[in-house]
Amino acid sequence: MNRILQLVLVVLLLAALPAAASVYQTREDFLAEVFDGKPPPARSLWLRGALKQEVTSVLGHPYGRLRVRYWERDGRRAWVLEEIGKERPITFGVVTRDGRIENIRVLAFRESRGWEIRHPFFTRQFFGARLDEKQRLDRQIDGISGATLSVRAMKKVARLALLLDHHVASSAP
Protein backbone atom coordinates (compact mmCIF):
# COMPACT_ATOMS: atom_id res chain seq x y z
CA MET A 1 0.00 0.00 0.00
CA ASN A 2 2.82 2.37 0.87
CA ARG A 3 4.44 1.73 -2.51
CA ILE A 4 1.21 2.62 -4.35
CA LEU A 5 0.87 5.85 -2.39
CA GLN A 6 4.46 6.79 -3.27
CA LEU A 7 3.82 6.10 -6.94
CA VAL A 8 0.66 8.22 -6.92
CA LEU A 9 2.54 11.11 -5.27
CA VAL A 10 5.34 10.92 -7.84
CA VAL A 11 2.83 10.96 -10.71
CA LEU A 12 1.01 13.94 -9.22
CA LEU A 13 4.26 15.85 -8.73
CA LEU A 14 5.37 15.17 -12.28
CA ALA A 15 1.99 16.29 -13.60
CA ALA A 16 2.32 19.57 -11.69
CA LEU A 17 5.70 20.43 -13.23
CA PRO A 18 5.65 22.86 -16.15
CA ALA A 19 5.95 21.27 -19.55
CA ALA A 20 9.43 21.33 -21.03
CA ALA A 21 9.92 22.99 -24.37
CA SER A 22 9.72 20.67 -27.33
CA VAL A 23 12.11 22.01 -29.93
CA TYR A 24 11.13 20.54 -33.28
CA GLN A 25 13.60 22.58 -35.31
CA THR A 26 16.18 25.20 -34.40
CA ARG A 27 16.14 28.62 -36.01
CA GLU A 28 19.42 27.83 -37.75
CA ASP A 29 18.09 24.57 -39.20
CA PHE A 30 14.87 26.27 -40.31
CA LEU A 31 16.80 29.01 -42.12
CA ALA A 32 19.19 26.51 -43.70
CA GLU A 33 16.22 24.55 -45.02
CA VAL A 34 14.46 27.65 -46.36
CA PHE A 35 17.56 28.99 -48.09
CA ASP A 36 19.13 25.74 -49.35
CA GLY A 37 21.83 25.60 -46.71
CA LYS A 38 23.04 29.18 -47.17
CA PRO A 39 20.89 31.64 -45.22
CA PRO A 40 21.43 35.32 -45.96
CA PRO A 41 22.41 37.71 -43.16
CA ALA A 42 19.61 38.79 -40.84
CA ARG A 43 17.91 42.12 -41.36
CA SER A 44 16.01 44.09 -38.74
CA LEU A 45 12.63 45.74 -38.93
CA TRP A 46 12.01 48.26 -36.18
CA LEU A 47 8.49 48.29 -34.76
CA ARG A 48 7.60 51.94 -34.31
CA GLY A 49 4.95 54.45 -35.26
CA ALA A 50 2.11 53.21 -37.44
CA LEU A 51 3.70 49.77 -37.89
CA LYS A 52 3.83 49.27 -34.13
CA GLN A 53 0.13 50.16 -33.91
CA GLU A 54 -0.75 47.75 -36.74
CA VAL A 55 1.21 44.95 -35.05
CA THR A 56 -0.65 45.61 -31.80
CA SER A 57 -3.95 45.53 -33.69
CA VAL A 58 -3.14 42.19 -35.34
CA LEU A 59 -1.96 40.52 -32.13
CA GLY A 60 -4.41 42.14 -29.74
CA HIS A 61 -1.48 43.25 -27.57
CA PRO A 62 1.90 44.94 -28.08
CA TYR A 63 4.63 42.70 -29.48
CA GLY A 64 7.26 42.01 -26.83
CA ARG A 65 10.19 43.30 -28.88
CA LEU A 66 11.31 46.57 -30.41
CA ARG A 67 12.49 44.96 -33.64
CA VAL A 68 11.90 41.83 -35.64
CA ARG A 69 14.63 39.97 -37.48
CA TYR A 70 14.02 38.50 -40.90
CA TRP A 71 16.02 36.89 -43.66
CA GLU A 72 15.47 37.63 -47.34
CA ARG A 73 16.68 36.29 -50.67
CA ASP A 74 15.13 36.11 -54.14
CA GLY A 75 11.75 37.45 -53.00
CA ARG A 76 11.39 35.02 -50.11
CA ARG A 77 11.40 36.21 -46.53
CA ALA A 78 11.77 34.03 -43.45
CA TRP A 79 10.43 35.19 -40.11
CA VAL A 80 10.95 33.64 -36.68
CA LEU A 81 8.18 34.95 -34.47
CA GLU A 82 6.70 34.11 -31.08
CA GLU A 83 3.20 34.30 -29.67
CA ILE A 84 1.74 33.11 -26.40
CA GLY A 85 -0.51 30.06 -26.65
CA LYS A 86 -2.22 29.72 -23.29
CA GLU A 87 0.60 30.64 -20.94
CA ARG A 88 3.90 30.16 -22.73
CA PRO A 89 5.42 31.36 -26.01
CA ILE A 90 5.28 29.22 -29.12
CA THR A 91 8.06 29.86 -31.65
CA PHE A 92 7.04 29.79 -35.31
CA GLY A 93 8.98 29.88 -38.54
CA VAL A 94 7.09 31.54 -41.41
CA VAL A 95 8.15 31.91 -45.03
CA THR A 96 6.47 34.59 -47.14
CA ARG A 97 6.69 35.37 -50.83
CA ASP A 98 4.71 37.92 -52.85
CA GLY A 99 2.38 38.67 -49.94
CA ARG A 100 1.46 35.02 -49.37
CA ILE A 101 2.47 32.38 -46.87
CA GLU A 102 4.69 29.82 -48.50
CA ASN A 103 5.32 27.79 -45.34
CA ILE A 104 4.64 27.94 -41.61
CA ARG A 105 5.80 25.63 -38.89
CA VAL A 106 6.19 25.31 -35.16
CA LEU A 107 9.85 25.49 -34.20
CA ALA A 108 9.41 25.23 -30.41
CA PHE A 109 6.32 24.43 -28.37
CA ARG A 110 6.23 25.08 -24.63
CA GLU A 111 2.60 24.43 -23.72
CA SER A 112 1.15 21.23 -22.30
CA ARG A 113 -1.66 21.10 -24.87
CA GLY A 114 -2.19 22.10 -28.46
CA TRP A 115 1.02 20.68 -29.94
CA GLU A 116 -1.02 19.15 -32.78
CA ILE A 117 -0.74 22.46 -34.66
CA ARG A 118 2.77 21.45 -35.69
CA HIS A 119 1.56 18.71 -38.04
CA PRO A 120 1.39 19.26 -41.82
CA PHE A 121 -2.32 18.34 -41.95
CA PHE A 122 -2.92 21.57 -40.03
CA THR A 123 -0.20 23.89 -41.34
CA ARG A 124 -1.07 23.22 -45.00
CA GLN A 125 -4.24 25.30 -44.53
CA PHE A 126 -2.06 28.42 -44.33
CA PHE A 127 -0.14 27.86 -47.58
CA GLY A 128 -1.03 30.57 -50.08
CA ALA A 129 -2.94 32.64 -47.51
CA ARG A 130 -2.74 36.41 -47.69
CA LEU A 131 -4.27 39.34 -45.82
CA ASP A 132 -7.56 40.88 -46.85
CA GLU A 133 -8.30 44.61 -46.59
CA LYS A 134 -9.14 44.23 -42.86
CA GLN A 135 -5.81 42.51 -42.12
CA ARG A 136 -7.46 39.12 -41.67
CA LEU A 137 -6.47 35.91 -43.39
CA ASP A 138 -8.27 35.50 -46.70
CA ARG A 139 -9.41 31.98 -45.82
CA GLN A 140 -11.04 30.03 -43.05
CA ILE A 141 -8.61 28.02 -40.90
CA ASP A 142 -10.16 24.94 -39.33
CA GLY A 143 -9.30 24.53 -35.67
CA ILE A 144 -8.28 21.50 -33.66
CA SER A 145 -10.37 20.41 -30.71
CA GLY A 146 -8.39 20.99 -27.52
CA ALA A 147 -5.87 23.27 -29.23
CA THR A 148 -7.93 26.44 -29.57
CA LEU A 149 -5.39 28.82 -28.03
CA SER A 150 -2.49 27.33 -30.01
CA VAL A 151 -4.54 27.65 -33.21
CA ARG A 152 -5.26 31.30 -32.40
CA ALA A 153 -1.56 31.91 -31.76
CA MET A 154 -0.63 30.45 -35.15
CA LYS A 155 -3.29 32.49 -36.93
CA LYS A 156 -2.02 35.66 -35.27
CA VAL A 157 1.57 34.88 -36.23
CA ALA A 158 0.53 34.17 -39.82
CA ARG A 159 -1.21 37.55 -39.97
CA LEU A 160 1.78 39.23 -38.34
CA ALA A 161 4.25 37.73 -40.81
CA LEU A 162 2.08 38.85 -43.73
CA LEU A 163 1.76 42.35 -42.28
CA LEU A 164 5.52 42.62 -41.79
CA ASP A 165 6.14 41.17 -45.27
CA HIS A 166 3.86 43.80 -46.80
CA HIS A 167 5.63 46.55 -44.87
CA VAL A 168 9.09 45.40 -46.02
CA ALA A 169 7.93 44.96 -49.62
CA SER A 170 6.28 48.39 -49.76
CA SER A 171 9.28 50.19 -48.27
CA ALA A 172 11.85 48.51 -50.54
CA PRO A 173 13.62 50.88 -52.95
C-alpha atoms as a PDB file:
ATOM      1  CA  MET A   1       0.000   0.000   0.000  1.00  0.00           C
ATOM      2  CA  ASN A   2       2.824   2.368   0.872  1.00  0.00           C
ATOM      3  CA  ARG A   3       4.441   1.727  -2.510  1.00  0.00           C
ATOM      4  CA  ILE A   4       1.211   2.615  -4.355  1.00  0.00           C
ATOM      5  CA  LEU A   5       0.867   5.853  -2.387  1.00  0.00           C
ATOM      6  CA  GLN A   6       4.462   6.794  -3.270  1.00  0.00           C
ATOM      7  CA  LEU A   7       3.818   6.096  -6.940  1.00  0.00           C
ATOM      8  CA  VAL A   8       0.661   8.220  -6.923  1.00  0.00           C
ATOM      9  CA  LEU A   9       2.536  11.105  -5.275  1.00  0.00           C
ATOM     10  CA  VAL A  10       5.341  10.920  -7.844  1.00  0.00           C
ATOM     11  CA  VAL A  11       2.829  10.959 -10.712  1.00  0.00           C
ATOM     12  CA  LEU A  12       1.011  13.943  -9.219  1.00  0.00           C
ATOM     13  CA  LEU A  13       4.264  15.850  -8.726  1.00  0.00           C
ATOM     14  CA  LEU A  14       5.365  15.169 -12.281  1.00  0.00           C
ATOM     15  CA  ALA A  15       1.990  16.293 -13.604  1.00  0.00           C
ATOM     16  CA  ALA A  16       2.318  19.572 -11.693  1.00  0.00           C
ATOM     17  CA  LEU A  17       5.702  20.433 -13.225  1.00  0.00           C
ATOM     18  CA  PRO A  18       5.650  22.859 -16.148  1.00  0.00           C
ATOM     19  CA  ALA A  19       5.954  21.269 -19.554  1.00  0.00           C
ATOM     20  CA  ALA A  20       9.434  21.330 -21.026  1.00  0.00           C
ATOM     21  CA  ALA A  21       9.919  22.987 -24.374  1.00  0.00           C
ATOM     22  CA  SER A  22       9.716  20.669 -27.330  1.00  0.00           C
ATOM     23  CA  VAL A  23      12.106  22.005 -29.932  1.00  0.00           C
ATOM     24  CA  TYR A  24      11.133  20.543 -33.277  1.00  0.00           C
ATOM     25  CA  GLN A  25      13.600  22.576 -35.312  1.00  0.00           C
ATOM     26  CA  THR A  26      16.183  25.201 -34.395  1.00  0.00           C
ATOM     27  CA  ARG A  27      16.139  28.621 -36.007  1.00  0.00           C
ATOM     28  CA  GLU A  28      19.421  27.833 -37.749  1.00  0.00           C
ATOM     29  CA  ASP A  29      18.094  24.566 -39.204  1.00  0.00           C
ATOM     30  CA  PHE A  30      14.875  26.269 -40.312  1.00  0.00           C
ATOM     31  CA  LEU A  31      16.804  29.007 -42.115  1.00  0.00           C
ATOM     32  CA  ALA A  32      19.194  26.511 -43.698  1.00  0.00           C
ATOM     33  CA  GLU A  33      16.221  24.553 -45.017  1.00  0.00           C
ATOM     34  CA  VAL A  34      14.460  27.648 -46.364  1.00  0.00           C
ATOM     35  CA  PHE A  35      17.561  28.993 -48.089  1.00  0.00           C
ATOM     36  CA  ASP A  36      19.125  25.739 -49.345  1.00  0.00           C
ATOM     37  CA  GLY A  37      21.831  25.597 -46.713  1.00  0.00           C
ATOM     38  CA  LYS A  38      23.039  29.179 -47.167  1.00  0.00           C
ATOM     39  CA  PRO A  39      20.892  31.642 -45.223  1.00  0.00           C
ATOM     40  CA  PRO A  40      21.431  35.324 -45.961  1.00  0.00           C
ATOM     41  CA  PRO A  41      22.408  37.708 -43.163  1.00  0.00           C
ATOM     42  CA  ALA A  42      19.611  38.787 -40.840  1.00  0.00           C
ATOM     43  CA  ARG A  43      17.912  42.119 -41.356  1.00  0.00           C
ATOM     44  CA  SER A  44      16.006  44.094 -38.741  1.00  0.00           C
ATOM     45  CA  LEU A  45      12.631  45.736 -38.928  1.00  0.00           C
ATOM     46  CA  TRP A  46      12.010  48.257 -36.179  1.00  0.00           C
ATOM     47  CA  LEU A  47       8.494  48.292 -34.763  1.00  0.00           C
ATOM     48  CA  ARG A  48       7.602  51.943 -34.309  1.00  0.00           C
ATOM     49  CA  GLY A  49       4.955  54.450 -35.262  1.00  0.00           C
ATOM     50  CA  ALA A  50       2.112  53.214 -37.443  1.00  0.00           C
ATOM     51  CA  LEU A  51       3.703  49.773 -37.889  1.00  0.00           C
ATOM     52  CA  LYS A  52       3.825  49.272 -34.131  1.00  0.00           C
ATOM     53  CA  GLN A  53       0.129  50.156 -33.909  1.00  0.00           C
ATOM     54  CA  GLU A  54      -0.749  47.755 -36.736  1.00  0.00           C
ATOM     55  CA  VAL A  55       1.208  44.954 -35.054  1.00  0.00           C
ATOM     56  CA  THR A  56      -0.648  45.606 -31.798  1.00  0.00           C
ATOM     57  CA  SER A  57      -3.945  45.529 -33.692  1.00  0.00           C
ATOM     58  CA  VAL A  58      -3.142  42.188 -35.340  1.00  0.00           C
ATOM     59  CA  LEU A  59      -1.963  40.517 -32.125  1.00  0.00           C
ATOM     60  CA  GLY A  60      -4.414  42.139 -29.743  1.00  0.00           C
ATOM     61  CA  HIS A  61      -1.484  43.245 -27.567  1.00  0.00           C
ATOM     62  CA  PRO A  62       1.905  44.938 -28.078  1.00  0.00           C
ATOM     63  CA  TYR A  63       4.635  42.697 -29.479  1.00  0.00           C
ATOM     64  CA  GLY A  64       7.263  42.012 -26.830  1.00  0.00           C
ATOM     65  CA  ARG A  65      10.189  43.296 -28.877  1.00  0.00           C
ATOM     66  CA  LEU A  66      11.315  46.568 -30.414  1.00  0.00           C
ATOM     67  CA  ARG A  67      12.487  44.965 -33.640  1.00  0.00           C
ATOM     68  CA  VAL A  68      11.901  41.829 -35.643  1.00  0.00           C
ATOM     69  CA  ARG A  69      14.629  39.975 -37.484  1.00  0.00           C
ATOM     70  CA  TYR A  70      14.021  38.503 -40.901  1.00  0.00           C
ATOM     71  CA  TRP A  71      16.019  36.887 -43.662  1.00  0.00           C
ATOM     72  CA  GLU A  72      15.471  37.625 -47.342  1.00  0.00           C
ATOM     73  CA  ARG A  73      16.677  36.289 -50.671  1.00  0.00           C
ATOM     74  CA  ASP A  74      15.125  36.113 -54.136  1.00  0.00           C
ATOM     75  CA  GLY A  75      11.754  37.455 -53.001  1.00  0.00           C
ATOM     76  CA  ARG A  76      11.394  35.018 -50.107  1.00  0.00           C
ATOM     77  CA  ARG A  77      11.402  36.210 -46.534  1.00  0.00           C
ATOM     78  CA  ALA A  78      11.771  34.032 -43.452  1.00  0.00           C
ATOM     79  CA  TRP A  79      10.435  35.193 -40.113  1.00  0.00           C
ATOM     80  CA  VAL A  80      10.954  33.641 -36.682  1.00  0.00           C
ATOM     81  CA  LEU A  81       8.178  34.953 -34.467  1.00  0.00           C
ATOM     82  CA  GLU A  82       6.698  34.112 -31.080  1.00  0.00           C
ATOM     83  CA  GLU A  83       3.203  34.304 -29.671  1.00  0.00           C
ATOM     84  CA  ILE A  84       1.737  33.107 -26.402  1.00  0.00           C
ATOM     85  CA  GLY A  85      -0.513  30.056 -26.648  1.00  0.00           C
ATOM     86  CA  LYS A  86      -2.222  29.716 -23.291  1.00  0.00           C
ATOM     87  CA  GLU A  87       0.596  30.640 -20.941  1.00  0.00           C
ATOM     88  CA  ARG A  88       3.905  30.164 -22.729  1.00  0.00           C
ATOM     89  CA  PRO A  89       5.424  31.361 -26.009  1.00  0.00           C
ATOM     90  CA  ILE A  90       5.281  29.222 -29.122  1.00  0.00           C
ATOM     91  CA  THR A  91       8.064  29.860 -31.647  1.00  0.00           C
ATOM     92  CA  PHE A  92       7.045  29.794 -35.308  1.00  0.00           C
ATOM     93  CA  GLY A  93       8.983  29.883 -38.544  1.00  0.00           C
ATOM     94  CA  VAL A  94       7.091  31.539 -41.408  1.00  0.00           C
ATOM     95  CA  VAL A  95       8.150  31.910 -45.028  1.00  0.00           C
ATOM     96  CA  THR A  96       6.466  34.588 -47.141  1.00  0.00           C
ATOM     97  CA  ARG A  97       6.690  35.375 -50.829  1.00  0.00           C
ATOM     98  CA  ASP A  98       4.706  37.916 -52.849  1.00  0.00           C
ATOM     99  CA  GLY A  99       2.380  38.670 -49.938  1.00  0.00           C
ATOM    100  CA  ARG A 100       1.458  35.021 -49.367  1.00  0.00           C
ATOM    101  CA  ILE A 101       2.466  32.384 -46.868  1.00  0.00           C
ATOM    102  CA  GLU A 102       4.691  29.821 -48.497  1.00  0.00           C
ATOM    103  CA  ASN A 103       5.325  27.790 -45.344  1.00  0.00           C
ATOM    104  CA  ILE A 104       4.639  27.941 -41.612  1.00  0.00           C
ATOM    105  CA  ARG A 105       5.796  25.627 -38.894  1.00  0.00           C
ATOM    106  CA  VAL A 106       6.194  25.314 -35.163  1.00  0.00           C
ATOM    107  CA  LEU A 107       9.852  25.486 -34.198  1.00  0.00           C
ATOM    108  CA  ALA A 108       9.414  25.230 -30.413  1.00  0.00           C
ATOM    109  CA  PHE A 109       6.323  24.429 -28.373  1.00  0.00           C
ATOM    110  CA  ARG A 110       6.234  25.076 -24.631  1.00  0.00           C
ATOM    111  CA  GLU A 111       2.597  24.432 -23.718  1.00  0.00           C
ATOM    112  CA  SER A 112       1.153  21.228 -22.297  1.00  0.00           C
ATOM    113  CA  ARG A 113      -1.657  21.098 -24.874  1.00  0.00           C
ATOM    114  CA  GLY A 114      -2.186  22.101 -28.464  1.00  0.00           C
ATOM    115  CA  TRP A 115       1.025  20.678 -29.942  1.00  0.00           C
ATOM    116  CA  GLU A 116      -1.018  19.155 -32.784  1.00  0.00           C
ATOM    117  CA  ILE A 117      -0.742  22.461 -34.660  1.00  0.00           C
ATOM    118  CA  ARG A 118       2.772  21.451 -35.693  1.00  0.00           C
ATOM    119  CA  HIS A 119       1.557  18.708 -38.039  1.00  0.00           C
ATOM    120  CA  PRO A 120       1.389  19.259 -41.819  1.00  0.00           C
ATOM    121  CA  PHE A 121      -2.325  18.344 -41.951  1.00  0.00           C
ATOM    122  CA  PHE A 122      -2.922  21.573 -40.032  1.00  0.00           C
ATOM    123  CA  THR A 123      -0.202  23.895 -41.340  1.00  0.00           C
ATOM    124  CA  ARG A 124      -1.068  23.216 -45.003  1.00  0.00           C
ATOM    125  CA  GLN A 125      -4.238  25.300 -44.534  1.00  0.00           C
ATOM    126  CA  PHE A 126      -2.059  28.415 -44.334  1.00  0.00           C
ATOM    127  CA  PHE A 127      -0.138  27.859 -47.578  1.00  0.00           C
ATOM    128  CA  GLY A 128      -1.027  30.572 -50.085  1.00  0.00           C
ATOM    129  CA  ALA A 129      -2.937  32.639 -47.510  1.00  0.00           C
ATOM    130  CA  ARG A 130      -2.744  36.408 -47.694  1.00  0.00           C
ATOM    131  CA  LEU A 131      -4.275  39.338 -45.819  1.00  0.00           C
ATOM    132  CA  ASP A 132      -7.562  40.876 -46.845  1.00  0.00           C
ATOM    133  CA  GLU A 133      -8.300  44.612 -46.588  1.00  0.00           C
ATOM    134  CA  LYS A 134      -9.140  44.233 -42.864  1.00  0.00           C
ATOM    135  CA  GLN A 135      -5.814  42.510 -42.115  1.00  0.00           C
ATOM    136  CA  ARG A 136      -7.462  39.116 -41.666  1.00  0.00           C
ATOM    137  CA  LEU A 137      -6.466  35.914 -43.395  1.00  0.00           C
ATOM    138  CA  ASP A 138      -8.268  35.501 -46.702  1.00  0.00           C
ATOM    139  CA  ARG A 139      -9.412  31.979 -45.818  1.00  0.00           C
ATOM    140  CA  GLN A 140     -11.039  30.030 -43.045  1.00  0.00           C
ATOM    141  CA  ILE A 141      -8.613  28.019 -40.903  1.00  0.00           C
ATOM    142  CA  ASP A 142     -10.164  24.936 -39.330  1.00  0.00           C
ATOM    143  CA  GLY A 143      -9.302  24.527 -35.666  1.00  0.00           C
ATOM    144  CA  ILE A 144      -8.281  21.495 -33.661  1.00  0.00           C
ATOM    145  CA  SER A 145     -10.371  20.414 -30.712  1.00  0.00           C
ATOM    146  CA  GLY A 146      -8.389  20.993 -27.521  1.00  0.00           C
ATOM    147  CA  ALA A 147      -5.869  23.270 -29.230  1.00  0.00           C
ATOM    148  CA  THR A 148      -7.930  26.443 -29.566  1.00  0.00           C
ATOM    149  CA  LEU A 149      -5.386  28.816 -28.028  1.00  0.00           C
ATOM    150  CA  SER A 150      -2.494  27.328 -30.008  1.00  0.00           C
ATOM    151  CA  VAL A 151      -4.535  27.647 -33.211  1.00  0.00           C
ATOM    152  CA  ARG A 152      -5.261  31.296 -32.395  1.00  0.00           C
ATOM    153  CA  ALA A 153      -1.561  31.914 -31.762  1.00  0.00           C
ATOM    154  CA  MET A 154      -0.628  30.446 -35.154  1.00  0.00           C
ATOM    155  CA  LYS A 155      -3.293  32.488 -36.930  1.00  0.00           C
ATOM    156  CA  LYS A 156      -2.019  35.665 -35.267  1.00  0.00           C
ATOM    157  CA  VAL A 157       1.573  34.880 -36.231  1.00  0.00           C
ATOM    158  CA  ALA A 158       0.527  34.168 -39.822  1.00  0.00           C
ATOM    159  CA  ARG A 159      -1.212  37.545 -39.969  1.00  0.00           C
ATOM    160  CA  LEU A 160       1.785  39.229 -38.336  1.00  0.00           C
ATOM    161  CA  ALA A 161       4.250  37.725 -40.815  1.00  0.00           C
ATOM    162  CA  LEU A 162       2.080  38.853 -43.732  1.00  0.00           C
ATOM    163  CA  LEU A 163       1.759  42.355 -42.285  1.00  0.00           C
ATOM    164  CA  LEU A 164       5.519  42.622 -41.791  1.00  0.00           C
ATOM    165  CA  ASP A 165       6.138  41.167 -45.265  1.00  0.00           C
ATOM    166  CA  HIS A 166       3.857  43.802 -46.797  1.00  0.00           C
ATOM    167  CA  HIS A 167       5.631  46.551 -44.868  1.00  0.00           C
ATOM    168  CA  VAL A 168       9.090  45.404 -46.016  1.00  0.00           C
ATOM    169  CA  ALA A 169       7.932  44.961 -49.617  1.00  0.00           C
ATOM    170  CA  SER A 170       6.279  48.393 -49.756  1.00  0.00           C
ATOM    171  CA  SER A 171       9.278  50.187 -48.265  1.00  0.00           C
ATOM    172  CA  ALA A 172      11.847  48.511 -50.537  1.00  0.00           C
ATOM    173  CA  PRO A 173      13.616  50.879 -52.949  1.00  0.00           C
END
